[in-house]
Amino acid sequence: MKIEVIGNGQMKEHSESDLNVASFLFASGFRLLGLRLVGRGRYAFRFADENEQAAGAAMAYLQGEVISAKALVGAQRDLKTLMYSASRENGNEDGNGNRRRNTE
């Protein structure tokens, strides 16, 4: 967990780089704060974690916690859209997951 200082208080956040786990957290109601570039073409999803429950929820998902397939797939679609949008804005990919070549 990372603690980010905002204004006078502190906001606790959970970073998740696994798309499936991030989709579960998003579908479970954890507030998405944004994306963070963590490596070459890799992103981590940043979630608000005021009550420090995101890590436990992620572990529960990995241990078989049940959630609606519709909710999980919808969350995954939304997160992929956000991820590919950020990737295009950063000039990393052409929108189809292909790395751009430097043509200059």
N, C-alpha and C. Protein backbone atom coordinates (compact mmCIF):
# COMPACT_ATOMS: atom_id res chain seq x y z
N MET A 1 0.84 -1.17 0.00
CA MET A 1 0.00 0.00 0.00
C MET A 1 0.89 1.23 0.00
N LYS A 2 0.42 2.25 -0.71
CA LYS A 2 1.14 3.50 -0.79
C LYS A 2 0.27 4.57 -0.15
N ILE A 3 0.87 5.47 0.61
CA ILE A 3 0.12 6.59 1.19
C ILE A 3 0.54 7.85 0.45
N GLU A 4 -0.44 8.52 -0.13
CA GLU A 4 -0.18 9.73 -0.89
C GLU A 4 -0.74 10.90 -0.10
N VAL A 5 0.05 11.93 0.11
CA VAL A 5 -0.39 13.09 0.86
C VAL A 5 -1.12 14.04 -0.08
N ILE A 6 -2.36 14.37 0.28
CA ILE A 6 -3.16 15.29 -0.52
C ILE A 6 -3.68 16.36 0.42
N GLY A 7 -3.30 17.61 0.18
CA GLY A 7 -3.75 18.71 1.04
C GLY A 7 -3.20 18.54 2.44
N ASN A 8 -4.08 18.71 3.43
CA ASN A 8 -3.67 18.61 4.83
C ASN A 8 -3.73 17.18 5.35
N GLY A 9 -4.50 16.32 4.67
CA GLY A 9 -4.68 14.95 5.15
C GLY A 9 -3.88 13.97 4.33
N GLN A 10 -4.14 12.71 4.56
CA GLN A 10 -3.48 11.65 3.81
C GLN A 10 -4.55 10.78 3.17
N MET A 11 -4.29 10.38 1.94
CA MET A 11 -5.19 9.45 1.26
C MET A 11 -4.44 8.14 1.10
N LYS A 12 -5.01 7.08 1.62
CA LYS A 12 -4.40 5.77 1.47
C LYS A 12 -4.88 5.20 0.15
N GLU A 13 -3.97 4.56 -0.55
CA GLU A 13 -4.34 3.96 -1.81
C GLU A 13 -3.70 2.60 -2.00
N HIS A 14 -4.36 1.81 -2.83
CA HIS A 14 -3.88 0.47 -3.16
C HIS A 14 -3.57 0.47 -4.66
N SER A 15 -2.40 -0.01 -5.02
CA SER A 15 -1.98 -0.12 -6.41
C SER A 15 -2.09 -1.57 -6.85
N GLU A 16 -2.70 -1.80 -8.01
CA GLU A 16 -2.89 -3.16 -8.51
C GLU A 16 -2.54 -3.22 -9.99
N SER A 17 -1.56 -4.07 -10.35
CA SER A 17 -1.14 -4.17 -11.75
C SER A 17 -1.79 -5.35 -12.47
N ASP A 18 -2.45 -6.24 -11.74
CA ASP A 18 -3.14 -7.37 -12.37
C ASP A 18 -4.54 -6.92 -12.80
N LEU A 19 -4.82 -6.98 -14.11
CA LEU A 19 -6.08 -6.49 -14.64
C LEU A 19 -7.28 -7.22 -14.04
N ASN A 20 -7.19 -8.51 -13.86
CA ASN A 20 -8.31 -9.27 -13.31
C ASN A 20 -8.63 -8.87 -11.87
N VAL A 21 -7.59 -8.73 -11.07
CA VAL A 21 -7.79 -8.32 -9.68
C VAL A 21 -8.31 -6.88 -9.63
N ALA A 22 -7.74 -6.01 -10.47
CA ALA A 22 -8.20 -4.62 -10.52
C ALA A 22 -9.67 -4.56 -10.94
N SER A 23 -10.06 -5.40 -11.88
CA SER A 23 -11.46 -5.45 -12.32
C SER A 23 -12.37 -5.87 -11.18
N PHE A 24 -11.92 -6.83 -10.39
CA PHE A 24 -12.70 -7.27 -9.23
C PHE A 24 -12.86 -6.12 -8.23
N LEU A 25 -11.78 -5.42 -7.94
CA LEU A 25 -11.85 -4.31 -6.99
C LEU A 25 -12.80 -3.22 -7.50
N PHE A 26 -12.69 -2.90 -8.78
CA PHE A 26 -13.53 -1.87 -9.38
C PHE A 26 -15.00 -2.28 -9.34
N ALA A 27 -15.27 -3.53 -9.70
CA ALA A 27 -16.65 -4.04 -9.68
C ALA A 27 -17.19 -4.14 -8.26
N SER A 28 -16.30 -4.27 -7.28
CA SER A 28 -16.71 -4.37 -5.88
C SER A 28 -16.93 -3.01 -5.23
N GLY A 29 -16.71 -1.95 -5.99
CA GLY A 29 -17.01 -0.62 -5.48
C GLY A 29 -15.83 0.20 -4.98
N PHE A 30 -14.62 -0.31 -5.12
CA PHE A 30 -13.46 0.50 -4.73
C PHE A 30 -13.32 1.64 -5.73
N ARG A 31 -13.08 2.84 -5.23
CA ARG A 31 -13.00 4.03 -6.08
C ARG A 31 -11.67 4.08 -6.80
N LEU A 32 -11.73 4.18 -8.12
CA LEU A 32 -10.53 4.24 -8.95
C LEU A 32 -10.00 5.67 -8.95
N LEU A 33 -8.73 5.82 -8.60
CA LEU A 33 -8.10 7.14 -8.59
C LEU A 33 -7.41 7.44 -9.91
N GLY A 34 -6.96 6.40 -10.61
CA GLY A 34 -6.28 6.62 -11.87
C GLY A 34 -5.30 5.50 -12.18
N LEU A 35 -4.43 5.79 -13.13
CA LEU A 35 -3.40 4.85 -13.57
C LEU A 35 -2.03 5.39 -13.25
N ARG A 36 -1.09 4.48 -13.13
CA ARG A 36 0.31 4.86 -12.94
C ARG A 36 1.15 3.97 -13.83
N LEU A 37 2.03 4.54 -14.62
CA LEU A 37 2.93 3.77 -15.45
C LEU A 37 3.97 3.12 -14.55
N VAL A 38 4.08 1.78 -14.60
CA VAL A 38 5.00 1.07 -13.72
C VAL A 38 6.13 0.40 -14.47
N GLY A 39 6.08 0.42 -15.75
CA GLY A 39 7.12 -0.20 -16.55
C GLY A 39 6.82 0.05 -18.01
N ARG A 40 7.62 -0.50 -18.82
CA ARG A 40 7.47 -0.31 -20.25
C ARG A 40 6.14 -0.90 -20.73
N GLY A 41 5.15 -0.01 -20.93
CA GLY A 41 3.85 -0.45 -21.38
C GLY A 41 2.99 -1.11 -20.32
N ARG A 42 3.41 -1.07 -19.06
CA ARG A 42 2.65 -1.67 -17.96
C ARG A 42 2.11 -0.58 -17.05
N TYR A 43 0.88 -0.78 -16.65
CA TYR A 43 0.22 0.18 -15.79
C TYR A 43 -0.27 -0.49 -14.52
N ALA A 44 -0.38 0.31 -13.47
CA ALA A 44 -1.01 -0.13 -12.23
C ALA A 44 -2.23 0.75 -12.02
N PHE A 45 -3.31 0.14 -11.60
CA PHE A 45 -4.53 0.87 -11.30
C PHE A 45 -4.46 1.30 -9.85
N ARG A 46 -4.78 2.57 -9.59
CA ARG A 46 -4.72 3.13 -8.25
C ARG A 46 -6.13 3.24 -7.70
N PHE A 47 -6.36 2.62 -6.53
CA PHE A 47 -7.66 2.63 -5.88
C PHE A 47 -7.58 3.32 -4.54
N ALA A 48 -8.61 4.09 -4.20
CA ALA A 48 -8.72 4.66 -2.86
C ALA A 48 -8.91 3.50 -1.89
N ASP A 49 -8.22 3.57 -0.77
CA ASP A 49 -8.27 2.48 0.21
C ASP A 49 -8.28 3.05 1.63
N GLU A 50 -9.28 3.90 1.89
CA GLU A 50 -9.35 4.58 3.18
C GLU A 50 -9.38 3.61 4.36
N ASN A 51 -10.09 2.50 4.21
CA ASN A 51 -10.24 1.54 5.31
C ASN A 51 -9.26 0.37 5.22
N GLU A 52 -8.31 0.45 4.32
CA GLU A 52 -7.28 -0.57 4.13
C GLU A 52 -7.89 -1.96 3.92
N GLN A 53 -8.90 -2.03 3.05
CA GLN A 53 -9.57 -3.30 2.76
C GLN A 53 -9.27 -3.84 1.37
N ALA A 54 -8.59 -3.07 0.53
CA ALA A 54 -8.37 -3.50 -0.85
C ALA A 54 -7.48 -4.74 -0.94
N ALA A 55 -6.42 -4.80 -0.15
CA ALA A 55 -5.53 -5.96 -0.19
C ALA A 55 -6.28 -7.23 0.21
N GLY A 56 -7.12 -7.13 1.23
CA GLY A 56 -7.92 -8.27 1.66
C GLY A 56 -8.93 -8.70 0.61
N ALA A 57 -9.54 -7.71 -0.07
CA ALA A 57 -10.50 -8.02 -1.13
C ALA A 57 -9.79 -8.68 -2.31
N ALA A 58 -8.59 -8.21 -2.63
CA ALA A 58 -7.82 -8.80 -3.72
C ALA A 58 -7.48 -10.26 -3.40
N MET A 59 -7.08 -10.51 -2.17
CA MET A 59 -6.75 -11.87 -1.75
C MET A 59 -8.00 -12.76 -1.79
N ALA A 60 -9.13 -12.21 -1.37
CA ALA A 60 -10.38 -12.97 -1.40
C ALA A 60 -10.72 -13.37 -2.84
N TYR A 61 -10.51 -12.46 -3.79
CA TYR A 61 -10.76 -12.77 -5.20
C TYR A 61 -9.86 -13.92 -5.67
N LEU A 62 -8.59 -13.84 -5.31
CA LEU A 62 -7.64 -14.88 -5.72
C LEU A 62 -7.95 -16.23 -5.07
N GLN A 63 -8.66 -16.19 -3.94
CA GLN A 63 -9.04 -17.43 -3.25
C GLN A 63 -10.44 -17.90 -3.63
N GLY A 64 -11.06 -17.24 -4.64
CA GLY A 64 -12.32 -17.74 -5.16
C GLY A 64 -13.56 -16.97 -4.80
N GLU A 65 -13.41 -15.76 -4.30
CA GLU A 65 -14.59 -14.92 -3.99
C GLU A 65 -15.47 -14.80 -5.23
N VAL A 66 -16.76 -14.93 -5.04
CA VAL A 66 -17.71 -14.92 -6.15
C VAL A 66 -18.22 -13.51 -6.40
N ILE A 67 -18.32 -13.15 -7.67
CA ILE A 67 -18.88 -11.86 -8.09
C ILE A 67 -19.61 -12.12 -9.40
N SER A 68 -20.57 -11.30 -9.70
CA SER A 68 -21.32 -11.43 -10.95
C SER A 68 -20.37 -11.34 -12.15
N ALA A 69 -20.52 -12.29 -13.07
CA ALA A 69 -19.69 -12.28 -14.28
C ALA A 69 -19.92 -11.00 -15.07
N LYS A 70 -21.16 -10.55 -15.12
CA LYS A 70 -21.49 -9.34 -15.86
C LYS A 70 -20.76 -8.13 -15.27
N ALA A 71 -20.74 -8.04 -13.95
CA ALA A 71 -20.05 -6.93 -13.27
C ALA A 71 -18.55 -7.00 -13.51
N LEU A 72 -17.98 -8.20 -13.43
CA LEU A 72 -16.54 -8.37 -13.62
C LEU A 72 -16.12 -8.02 -15.05
N VAL A 73 -16.86 -8.52 -16.03
CA VAL A 73 -16.54 -8.26 -17.43
C VAL A 73 -16.73 -6.78 -17.76
N GLY A 74 -17.79 -6.17 -17.22
CA GLY A 74 -18.01 -4.74 -17.44
C GLY A 74 -16.88 -3.90 -16.86
N ALA A 75 -16.44 -4.24 -15.67
CA ALA A 75 -15.33 -3.51 -15.04
C ALA A 75 -14.05 -3.70 -15.84
N GLN A 76 -13.81 -4.93 -16.31
CA GLN A 76 -12.62 -5.20 -17.10
C GLN A 76 -12.63 -4.39 -18.40
N ARG A 77 -13.79 -4.30 -19.04
CA ARG A 77 -13.92 -3.52 -20.27
C ARG A 77 -13.59 -2.05 -19.99
N ASP A 78 -14.14 -1.51 -18.91
CA ASP A 78 -13.90 -0.10 -18.57
C ASP A 78 -12.42 0.16 -18.26
N LEU A 79 -11.79 -0.74 -17.52
CA LEU A 79 -10.38 -0.56 -17.17
C LEU A 79 -9.48 -0.70 -18.39
N LYS A 80 -9.81 -1.62 -19.29
CA LYS A 80 -9.02 -1.77 -20.53
C LYS A 80 -9.13 -0.49 -21.37
N THR A 81 -10.33 0.07 -21.46
CA THR A 81 -10.52 1.30 -22.21
C THR A 81 -9.66 2.41 -21.63
N LEU A 82 -9.65 2.53 -20.32
CA LEU A 82 -8.84 3.53 -19.65
C LEU A 82 -7.35 3.30 -19.89
N MET A 83 -6.93 2.05 -19.81
CA MET A 83 -5.53 1.69 -19.99
C MET A 83 -5.06 1.98 -21.42
N TYR A 84 -5.85 1.59 -22.41
CA TYR A 84 -5.46 1.82 -23.81
C TYR A 84 -5.51 3.30 -24.16
N SER A 85 -6.43 4.03 -23.56
CA SER A 85 -6.51 5.47 -23.76
C SER A 85 -5.24 6.15 -23.22
N ALA A 86 -4.83 5.75 -22.03
CA ALA A 86 -3.61 6.31 -21.43
C ALA A 86 -2.39 5.94 -22.25
N SER A 87 -2.37 4.73 -22.76
CA SER A 87 -1.24 4.26 -23.56
C SER A 87 -1.11 5.08 -24.85
N ARG A 88 -2.24 5.34 -25.47
CA ARG A 88 -2.21 6.15 -26.70
C ARG A 88 -1.79 7.57 -26.40
N GLU A 89 -2.26 8.13 -25.29
CA GLU A 89 -1.88 9.49 -24.92
C GLU A 89 -0.39 9.60 -24.67
N ASN A 90 0.20 8.55 -24.15
CA ASN A 90 1.65 8.53 -23.89
C ASN A 90 2.45 8.18 -25.13
N GLY A 91 1.76 7.86 -26.22
CA GLY A 91 2.46 7.53 -27.46
C GLY A 91 3.13 6.18 -27.47
N ASN A 92 2.69 5.27 -26.60
CA ASN A 92 3.32 3.96 -26.50
C ASN A 92 2.81 2.96 -27.52
N GLU A 93 1.54 3.09 -27.89
CA GLU A 93 0.95 2.08 -28.76
C GLU A 93 0.05 2.73 -29.79
N ASP A 94 -0.32 1.98 -30.81
CA ASP A 94 -1.16 2.51 -31.87
C ASP A 94 -2.65 2.30 -31.63
N GLY A 95 -3.03 1.81 -30.46
CA GLY A 95 -4.42 1.58 -30.13
C GLY A 95 -4.83 0.13 -30.31
N ASN A 96 -4.02 -0.65 -30.99
CA ASN A 96 -4.29 -2.07 -31.19
C ASN A 96 -3.33 -2.93 -30.38
N GLY A 97 -2.61 -2.32 -29.47
CA GLY A 97 -1.66 -3.06 -28.65
C GLY A 97 -0.30 -3.21 -29.28
N ASN A 98 -0.09 -2.56 -30.43
CA ASN A 98 1.19 -2.66 -31.14
C ASN A 98 2.06 -1.46 -30.80
N ARG A 99 3.32 -1.73 -30.53
CA ARG A 99 4.27 -0.66 -30.24
C ARG A 99 4.52 0.14 -31.52
N ARG A 100 4.57 1.45 -31.34
CA ARG A 100 4.90 2.32 -32.48
C ARG A 100 6.38 2.28 -32.72
N ARG A 101 6.74 2.31 -33.97
CA ARG A 101 8.16 2.40 -34.33
C ARG A 101 8.50 3.85 -34.57
N ASN A 102 9.71 4.22 -34.23
CA ASN A 102 10.16 5.57 -34.50
C ASN A 102 10.47 5.68 -35.98
N THR A 103 9.68 6.48 -36.71
CA THR A 103 9.85 6.57 -38.16
C THR A 103 10.67 7.78 -38.59
N GLU A 104 11.20 8.49 -37.63
CA GLU A 104 11.98 9.68 -37.97
C GLU A 104 13.42 9.31 -38.20
